[in-house]
Amino acid sequence: MDENITLAIVGIGLGLFGATVWYAEMFTDSKAANLWRRMNGKGRISRNYAAIGAPAFACIFLLGGILGFINHFQLRGIIPRIVAILILVFLSFFLIGLLPIKFPRWVYADWQYAKRHGLLDADGNIDQEAYEKHANGKGFW
């Protein structure tokens, strides 16, 4: 029983850590977030995984940990089923994030960065010239 509660705590911790990393990468300008964006920009992971798969994976860990607590305390009823269904929903989001399809531009970290720094044109696309000036002639990240 002790290892089950330990795994539940680890699952919740990994889920919270993954969600924090994703949030920082997507919506902040901290040094750690810039590091994660640079690592993602060099093709180590796909943009879709960084935008869709990573938060889904974090939610799977978080919900798995919650389900571990539910099983440890032997709660019965509909709550474990709802959590299990949510895990399957986020698993489908994770798998969709692995597909090589184009999602709406606001899903990606580079668009969020451009929005925060006023680098969007009138149509809401990233203005490449404004970004080049902002980055002193360097590419994205």
Protein backbone atom coordinates (compact mmCIF):
# COMPACT_ATOMS: atom_id res chain seq x y z
CA MET A 1 0.00 0.00 0.00
CA ASP A 2 2.82 2.43 0.77
CA GLU A 3 4.22 2.23 -2.76
CA ASN A 4 0.81 3.05 -4.20
CA ILE A 5 0.53 6.28 -2.22
CA THR A 6 4.14 7.11 -3.14
CA LEU A 7 3.36 6.64 -6.82
CA ALA A 8 0.27 8.82 -6.44
CA ILE A 9 2.35 11.60 -4.86
CA VAL A 10 5.00 11.27 -7.58
CA GLY A 11 2.30 11.36 -10.28
CA ILE A 12 0.77 14.52 -8.88
CA GLY A 13 4.22 16.09 -8.50
CA LEU A 14 5.21 15.26 -12.09
CA GLY A 15 1.86 16.51 -13.35
CA LEU A 16 2.22 19.82 -11.52
CA PHE A 17 5.84 20.18 -12.66
CA GLY A 18 4.90 19.45 -16.28
CA ALA A 19 2.04 21.93 -16.19
CA THR A 20 4.31 24.58 -14.66
CA VAL A 21 6.98 24.04 -17.32
CA TRP A 22 4.40 24.25 -20.10
CA TYR A 23 2.85 27.41 -18.64
CA ALA A 24 6.23 29.06 -18.20
CA GLU A 25 7.29 28.17 -21.73
CA MET A 26 4.05 29.38 -23.25
CA PHE A 27 3.21 32.49 -21.27
CA THR A 28 6.29 33.93 -19.51
CA ASP A 29 9.63 35.49 -20.42
CA SER A 30 11.74 34.00 -17.65
CA LYS A 31 15.24 32.66 -18.31
CA ALA A 32 14.07 29.08 -17.80
CA ALA A 33 11.19 29.61 -20.24
CA ASN A 34 13.59 31.03 -22.83
CA LEU A 35 15.81 27.99 -22.39
CA TRP A 36 12.87 25.59 -22.92
CA ARG A 37 11.70 27.56 -25.98
CA ARG A 38 15.20 27.46 -27.48
CA MET A 39 15.41 23.71 -26.89
CA ASN A 40 12.03 23.20 -28.57
CA GLY A 41 12.92 25.53 -31.45
CA LYS A 42 15.85 23.34 -32.51
CA GLY A 43 13.61 20.43 -33.46
CA ARG A 44 14.18 18.27 -30.39
CA ILE A 45 10.43 18.03 -29.95
CA SER A 46 7.70 19.08 -32.33
CA ARG A 47 5.79 22.32 -31.93
CA ASN A 48 2.56 20.35 -31.71
CA TYR A 49 3.87 18.23 -28.86
CA ALA A 50 5.07 21.34 -27.00
CA ALA A 51 1.69 23.04 -27.47
CA ILE A 52 -0.78 20.15 -27.13
CA GLY A 53 1.03 16.99 -26.04
CA ALA A 54 2.99 18.36 -23.09
CA PRO A 55 0.00 19.80 -21.19
CA ALA A 56 -2.02 16.66 -21.97
CA PHE A 57 0.81 14.49 -20.65
CA ALA A 58 1.02 16.62 -17.49
CA CYS A 59 -2.74 16.24 -16.98
CA ILE A 60 -2.46 12.47 -17.42
CA PHE A 61 0.16 12.32 -14.64
CA LEU A 62 -1.88 14.65 -12.41
CA LEU A 63 -5.10 12.70 -12.90
CA GLY A 64 -3.25 9.40 -12.50
CA GLY A 65 -1.98 10.59 -9.14
CA ILE A 66 -5.46 11.68 -8.12
CA LEU A 67 -6.77 8.28 -9.18
CA GLY A 68 -4.06 6.69 -7.02
CA PHE A 69 -5.31 8.66 -4.02
CA ILE A 70 -8.89 7.68 -4.81
CA ASN A 71 -7.89 4.01 -4.92
CA HIS A 72 -5.79 4.29 -1.75
CA PHE A 73 -8.67 5.71 0.23
CA GLN A 74 -11.05 3.26 -1.48
CA LEU A 75 -13.55 5.83 -2.64
CA ARG A 76 -16.25 4.17 -4.69
CA GLY A 77 -18.88 5.51 -7.00
CA ILE A 78 -18.69 7.64 -10.07
CA ILE A 79 -15.61 9.72 -9.15
CA PRO A 80 -13.00 7.10 -10.15
CA ARG A 81 -14.81 6.54 -13.44
CA ILE A 82 -14.88 10.25 -14.22
CA VAL A 83 -11.16 10.56 -13.51
CA ALA A 84 -10.42 7.49 -15.67
CA ILE A 85 -12.49 8.93 -18.53
CA LEU A 86 -10.63 12.24 -18.23
CA ILE A 87 -7.32 10.36 -18.43
CA LEU A 88 -8.50 8.76 -21.69
CA VAL A 89 -9.60 12.15 -23.05
CA PHE A 90 -6.19 13.66 -22.30
CA LEU A 91 -4.53 10.59 -23.80
CA SER A 92 -6.40 11.31 -27.04
CA PHE A 93 -5.22 14.95 -26.86
CA PHE A 94 -1.67 13.68 -26.37
CA LEU A 95 -1.96 11.46 -29.45
CA ILE A 96 -3.45 14.31 -31.50
CA GLY A 97 -0.47 16.43 -30.45
CA LEU A 98 1.82 13.89 -32.12
CA LEU A 99 0.13 14.31 -35.51
CA PRO A 100 1.87 16.53 -38.09
CA ILE A 101 -1.10 18.86 -38.55
CA LYS A 102 -1.26 22.62 -38.23
CA PHE A 103 -3.15 23.94 -35.22
CA PRO A 104 -4.42 27.53 -34.83
CA ARG A 105 -1.52 29.99 -34.48
CA TRP A 106 -2.45 31.03 -30.93
CA VAL A 107 -1.65 27.49 -29.73
CA TYR A 108 2.10 27.88 -30.32
CA ALA A 109 4.66 29.47 -27.98
CA ASP A 110 6.21 31.67 -30.69
CA TRP A 111 2.87 33.35 -31.38
CA GLN A 112 2.26 33.90 -27.66
CA TYR A 113 5.74 35.45 -27.38
CA ALA A 114 5.04 37.72 -30.35
CA LYS A 115 1.70 38.74 -28.84
CA ARG A 116 3.31 39.65 -25.50
CA HIS A 117 5.91 41.81 -27.23
CA GLY A 118 3.64 43.50 -29.79
CA LEU A 119 5.16 41.72 -32.80
CA LEU A 120 1.91 40.82 -34.55
CA ASP A 121 0.74 42.46 -37.76
CA ALA A 122 -2.81 43.73 -38.39
CA ASP A 123 -4.00 40.22 -39.35
CA GLY A 124 -2.68 38.67 -36.15
CA ASN A 125 0.26 36.94 -37.85
CA ILE A 126 3.83 37.27 -36.61
CA ASP A 127 5.45 40.28 -38.30
CA GLN A 128 8.82 38.87 -39.40
CA GLU A 129 10.45 42.28 -39.85
CA ALA A 130 9.38 43.48 -36.42
CA TYR A 131 10.63 40.24 -34.92
CA GLU A 132 14.01 40.55 -36.66
CA LYS A 133 14.40 44.04 -35.16
CA HIS A 134 13.31 42.75 -31.76
CA ALA A 135 15.75 39.81 -31.89
CA ASN A 136 18.63 41.86 -33.35
CA GLY A 137 18.70 39.90 -36.59
CA LYS A 138 18.43 36.43 -35.04
CA GLY A 139 15.74 33.92 -35.89
CA PHE A 140 13.10 32.64 -33.53
CA TRP A 141 14.64 31.72 -30.18
